Amino acid sequence: MRTGGLETMQSLSSSSSSAAAVIALNLKDANWWLDVNESPFWQDRILRILAGLYGIVSVTVIAFCRHALYPLMESFFTIALLLILWWKPVQVV
């Protein structure tokens, strides 16, 4: 019974490995990614999409966290002045 199960597993593994080899052979000839990656049209579009998404996230964060930022805005100049007064340069050895 064990050997029958082992033979079945080996036949399944060989058929899956041959299927994987066929898929890999088909993908080897696929150079569409190089065409897309070198396209200035695609690069411009993806840049605009990412910039738009960044803008949406920024506006959302500012809209929802505005109340949490008010204390920092009120004390911004105090914090900046304290940092400037107590600034110590780091000695590089």
N, C-alpha and C. Protein backbone atom coordinates (compact mmCIF):
# COMPACT_ATOMS: atom_id res chain seq x y z
N MET A 1 0.82 -1.19 0.00
CA MET A 1 0.00 0.00 0.00
C MET A 1 0.87 1.25 0.00
N ARG A 2 1.96 1.20 0.74
CA ARG A 2 2.85 2.36 0.76
C ARG A 2 3.50 2.58 -0.59
N THR A 3 3.95 1.53 -1.24
CA THR A 3 4.62 1.72 -2.51
C THR A 3 3.66 2.27 -3.56
N GLY A 4 2.40 1.86 -3.49
CA GLY A 4 1.42 2.40 -4.43
C GLY A 4 1.25 3.90 -4.21
N GLY A 5 1.21 4.31 -2.95
CA GLY A 5 1.10 5.73 -2.65
C GLY A 5 2.33 6.49 -3.10
N LEU A 6 3.49 5.88 -2.93
CA LEU A 6 4.74 6.52 -3.34
C LEU A 6 4.79 6.67 -4.86
N GLU A 7 4.36 5.63 -5.58
CA GLU A 7 4.34 5.71 -7.04
C GLU A 7 3.37 6.78 -7.52
N THR A 8 2.24 6.87 -6.84
CA THR A 8 1.26 7.90 -7.21
C THR A 8 1.84 9.28 -6.98
N MET A 9 2.52 9.45 -5.84
CA MET A 9 3.12 10.75 -5.54
C MET A 9 4.20 11.09 -6.56
N GLN A 10 5.01 10.09 -6.95
CA GLN A 10 6.07 10.34 -7.92
C GLN A 10 5.48 10.70 -9.28
N SER A 11 4.41 10.03 -9.68
CA SER A 11 3.81 10.36 -10.97
C SER A 11 3.17 11.74 -10.94
N LEU A 12 2.55 12.09 -9.80
CA LEU A 12 1.98 13.44 -9.67
C LEU A 12 3.07 14.50 -9.69
N SER A 13 4.17 14.20 -9.01
CA SER A 13 5.25 15.18 -8.96
C SER A 13 5.91 15.33 -10.32
N SER A 14 6.05 14.24 -11.07
CA SER A 14 6.67 14.37 -12.40
C SER A 14 5.74 15.10 -13.36
N SER A 15 4.42 14.87 -13.25
CA SER A 15 3.50 15.58 -14.14
C SER A 15 3.44 17.06 -13.78
N SER A 16 3.51 17.38 -12.48
CA SER A 16 3.49 18.80 -12.10
C SER A 16 4.79 19.49 -12.47
N SER A 17 5.91 18.76 -12.39
CA SER A 17 7.18 19.37 -12.78
C SER A 17 7.24 19.58 -14.29
N SER A 18 6.66 18.66 -15.06
CA SER A 18 6.65 18.86 -16.51
C SER A 18 5.72 20.01 -16.88
N ALA A 19 4.61 20.16 -16.15
CA ALA A 19 3.71 21.30 -16.40
C ALA A 19 4.41 22.61 -16.05
N ALA A 20 5.17 22.60 -14.96
CA ALA A 20 5.92 23.80 -14.58
C ALA A 20 6.98 24.13 -15.62
N ALA A 21 7.60 23.09 -16.19
CA ALA A 21 8.61 23.32 -17.23
C ALA A 21 7.99 23.94 -18.48
N VAL A 22 6.78 23.50 -18.83
CA VAL A 22 6.10 24.06 -20.00
C VAL A 22 5.76 25.53 -19.74
N ILE A 23 5.27 25.82 -18.54
CA ILE A 23 4.94 27.21 -18.20
C ILE A 23 6.20 28.07 -18.22
N ALA A 24 7.29 27.55 -17.66
CA ALA A 24 8.54 28.31 -17.65
C ALA A 24 9.05 28.56 -19.07
N LEU A 25 8.89 27.58 -19.95
CA LEU A 25 9.32 27.75 -21.33
C LEU A 25 8.49 28.83 -22.03
N ASN A 26 7.20 28.84 -21.76
CA ASN A 26 6.35 29.87 -22.35
C ASN A 26 6.70 31.25 -21.81
N LEU A 27 7.04 31.35 -20.54
CA LEU A 27 7.39 32.64 -19.96
C LEU A 27 8.78 33.11 -20.38
N LYS A 28 9.63 32.18 -20.78
CA LYS A 28 10.98 32.55 -21.18
C LYS A 28 10.95 33.44 -22.42
N ASP A 29 10.02 33.19 -23.30
CA ASP A 29 9.92 33.97 -24.53
C ASP A 29 9.11 35.25 -24.36
N ALA A 30 8.54 35.46 -23.19
CA ALA A 30 7.70 36.64 -22.97
C ALA A 30 8.59 37.82 -22.61
N ASN A 31 8.72 38.78 -23.51
CA ASN A 31 9.52 39.96 -23.24
C ASN A 31 8.64 41.21 -23.19
N TRP A 32 7.37 41.04 -22.89
CA TRP A 32 6.46 42.17 -22.83
C TRP A 32 6.84 43.12 -21.71
N TRP A 33 7.43 42.58 -20.62
CA TRP A 33 7.78 43.45 -19.51
C TRP A 33 8.87 44.44 -19.92
N LEU A 34 9.80 44.02 -20.73
CA LEU A 34 10.85 44.93 -21.19
C LEU A 34 10.25 46.04 -22.04
N ASP A 35 9.28 45.69 -22.88
CA ASP A 35 8.63 46.70 -23.71
C ASP A 35 7.87 47.71 -22.85
N VAL A 36 7.17 47.21 -21.85
CA VAL A 36 6.40 48.10 -20.97
C VAL A 36 7.34 48.94 -20.11
N ASN A 37 8.39 48.32 -19.60
CA ASN A 37 9.30 49.01 -18.69
C ASN A 37 10.07 50.13 -19.38
N GLU A 38 10.36 49.99 -20.66
CA GLU A 38 11.12 51.01 -21.38
C GLU A 38 10.23 52.07 -22.02
N SER A 39 8.93 51.96 -21.83
CA SER A 39 7.99 52.89 -22.45
C SER A 39 7.86 54.17 -21.62
N PRO A 40 8.18 55.35 -22.19
CA PRO A 40 8.01 56.60 -21.45
C PRO A 40 6.54 56.88 -21.14
N PHE A 41 5.64 56.41 -21.99
CA PHE A 41 4.21 56.58 -21.75
C PHE A 41 3.80 55.89 -20.45
N TRP A 42 4.26 54.64 -20.26
CA TRP A 42 3.95 53.90 -19.05
C TRP A 42 4.58 54.56 -17.84
N GLN A 43 5.81 55.01 -17.96
CA GLN A 43 6.49 55.64 -16.84
C GLN A 43 5.79 56.92 -16.42
N ASP A 44 5.34 57.72 -17.39
CA ASP A 44 4.61 58.95 -17.06
C ASP A 44 3.30 58.63 -16.36
N ARG A 45 2.58 57.65 -16.87
CA ARG A 45 1.29 57.30 -16.27
C ARG A 45 1.46 56.78 -14.85
N ILE A 46 2.42 55.90 -14.62
CA ILE A 46 2.58 55.33 -13.28
C ILE A 46 3.06 56.41 -12.31
N LEU A 47 3.88 57.35 -12.77
CA LEU A 47 4.32 58.45 -11.92
C LEU A 47 3.13 59.31 -11.51
N ARG A 48 2.25 59.62 -12.45
CA ARG A 48 1.08 60.44 -12.14
C ARG A 48 0.12 59.71 -11.22
N ILE A 49 -0.04 58.42 -11.42
CA ILE A 49 -0.93 57.64 -10.55
C ILE A 49 -0.38 57.61 -9.13
N LEU A 50 0.92 57.35 -8.98
CA LEU A 50 1.52 57.30 -7.64
C LEU A 50 1.49 58.66 -6.97
N ALA A 51 1.73 59.73 -7.72
CA ALA A 51 1.66 61.08 -7.14
C ALA A 51 0.24 61.41 -6.71
N GLY A 52 -0.75 61.01 -7.50
CA GLY A 52 -2.14 61.24 -7.12
C GLY A 52 -2.52 60.47 -5.87
N LEU A 53 -2.10 59.22 -5.78
CA LEU A 53 -2.39 58.43 -4.57
C LEU A 53 -1.70 59.02 -3.35
N TYR A 54 -0.47 59.50 -3.51
CA TYR A 54 0.23 60.14 -2.40
C TYR A 54 -0.52 61.39 -1.95
N GLY A 55 -1.02 62.17 -2.90
CA GLY A 55 -1.79 63.36 -2.56
C GLY A 55 -3.07 63.01 -1.82
N ILE A 56 -3.76 61.96 -2.26
CA ILE A 56 -4.99 61.55 -1.57
C ILE A 56 -4.70 61.12 -0.14
N VAL A 57 -3.64 60.35 0.05
CA VAL A 57 -3.28 59.91 1.40
C VAL A 57 -2.89 61.10 2.26
N SER A 58 -2.14 62.06 1.71
CA SER A 58 -1.73 63.23 2.48
C SER A 58 -2.92 64.07 2.91
N VAL A 59 -3.85 64.31 2.01
CA VAL A 59 -5.03 65.10 2.35
C VAL A 59 -5.87 64.38 3.39
N THR A 60 -5.99 63.08 3.27
CA THR A 60 -6.76 62.30 4.25
C THR A 60 -6.12 62.38 5.63
N VAL A 61 -4.82 62.24 5.70
CA VAL A 61 -4.13 62.30 7.00
C VAL A 61 -4.27 63.69 7.61
N ILE A 62 -4.10 64.72 6.81
CA ILE A 62 -4.24 66.08 7.34
C ILE A 62 -5.66 66.33 7.81
N ALA A 63 -6.65 65.85 7.07
CA ALA A 63 -8.04 66.07 7.44
C ALA A 63 -8.41 65.36 8.74
N PHE A 64 -7.92 64.15 8.93
CA PHE A 64 -8.30 63.39 10.11
C PHE A 64 -7.41 63.65 11.31
N CYS A 65 -6.18 64.11 11.12
CA CYS A 65 -5.25 64.31 12.23
C CYS A 65 -5.02 65.78 12.53
N ARG A 66 -5.83 66.66 11.98
CA ARG A 66 -5.63 68.09 12.18
C ARG A 66 -5.71 68.46 13.66
N HIS A 67 -6.67 67.90 14.37
CA HIS A 67 -6.83 68.23 15.79
C HIS A 67 -5.64 67.77 16.61
N ALA A 68 -4.95 66.73 16.19
CA ALA A 68 -3.79 66.24 16.92
C ALA A 68 -2.55 67.10 16.64
N LEU A 69 -2.55 67.85 15.54
CA LEU A 69 -1.39 68.66 15.19
C LEU A 69 -1.44 70.08 15.74
N TYR A 70 -2.59 70.53 16.24
CA TYR A 70 -2.70 71.90 16.74
C TYR A 70 -1.71 72.22 17.86
N PRO A 71 -1.53 71.39 18.87
CA PRO A 71 -0.54 71.73 19.91
C PRO A 71 0.87 71.87 19.36
N LEU A 72 1.22 71.06 18.38
CA LEU A 72 2.55 71.17 17.79
C LEU A 72 2.70 72.45 16.98
N MET A 73 1.63 72.87 16.29
CA MET A 73 1.70 74.10 15.51
C MET A 73 1.85 75.31 16.43
N GLU A 74 1.18 75.29 17.57
CA GLU A 74 1.26 76.42 18.49
C GLU A 74 2.65 76.54 19.10
N SER A 75 3.30 75.42 19.34
CA SER A 75 4.61 75.46 19.99
C SER A 75 5.75 75.22 19.01
N PHE A 76 5.52 75.35 17.73
CA PHE A 76 6.55 75.08 16.73
C PHE A 76 7.76 75.99 16.90
N PHE A 77 7.52 77.29 17.05
CA PHE A 77 8.64 78.23 17.15
C PHE A 77 9.41 78.04 18.45
N THR A 78 8.71 77.68 19.52
CA THR A 78 9.39 77.41 20.78
C THR A 78 10.29 76.19 20.65
N ILE A 79 9.78 75.15 20.04
CA ILE A 79 10.58 73.93 19.85
C ILE A 79 11.77 74.22 18.94
N ALA A 80 11.56 74.98 17.88
CA ALA A 80 12.66 75.30 16.97
C ALA A 80 13.72 76.14 17.67
N LEU A 81 13.30 77.11 18.48
CA LEU A 81 14.25 77.95 19.21
C LEU A 81 15.06 77.12 20.20
N LEU A 82 14.40 76.23 20.92
CA LEU A 82 15.11 75.38 21.87
C LEU A 82 16.11 74.47 21.16
N LEU A 83 15.74 73.94 20.03
CA LEU A 83 16.67 73.09 19.28
C LEU A 83 17.87 73.88 18.79
N ILE A 84 17.65 75.11 18.35
CA ILE A 84 18.76 75.94 17.87
C ILE A 84 19.68 76.33 19.02
N LEU A 85 19.10 76.69 20.18
CA LEU A 85 19.92 77.12 21.31
C LEU A 85 20.76 75.99 21.89
N TRP A 86 20.22 74.81 21.95
CA TRP A 86 20.94 73.70 22.56
C TRP A 86 21.57 72.76 21.55
N TRP A 87 21.73 73.23 20.34
CA TRP A 87 22.33 72.41 19.30
C TRP A 87 23.81 72.25 19.58
N LYS A 88 24.28 71.03 19.56
CA LYS A 88 25.71 70.76 19.75
C LYS A 88 26.19 69.95 18.55
N PRO A 89 27.19 70.45 17.85
CA PRO A 89 27.70 69.68 16.71
C PRO A 89 28.34 68.38 17.17
N VAL A 90 28.21 67.36 16.36
CA VAL A 90 28.77 66.06 16.67
C VAL A 90 30.18 65.99 16.12
N GLN A 91 31.12 65.59 16.97
CA GLN A 91 32.51 65.46 16.55
C GLN A 91 32.70 64.13 15.83
N VAL A 92 33.19 64.19 14.61
CA VAL A 92 33.46 62.98 13.85
C VAL A 92 34.92 62.63 14.06
N VAL A 93 35.16 61.43 14.51
CA VAL A 93 36.54 61.00 14.81
C VAL A 93 37.12 60.27 13.65
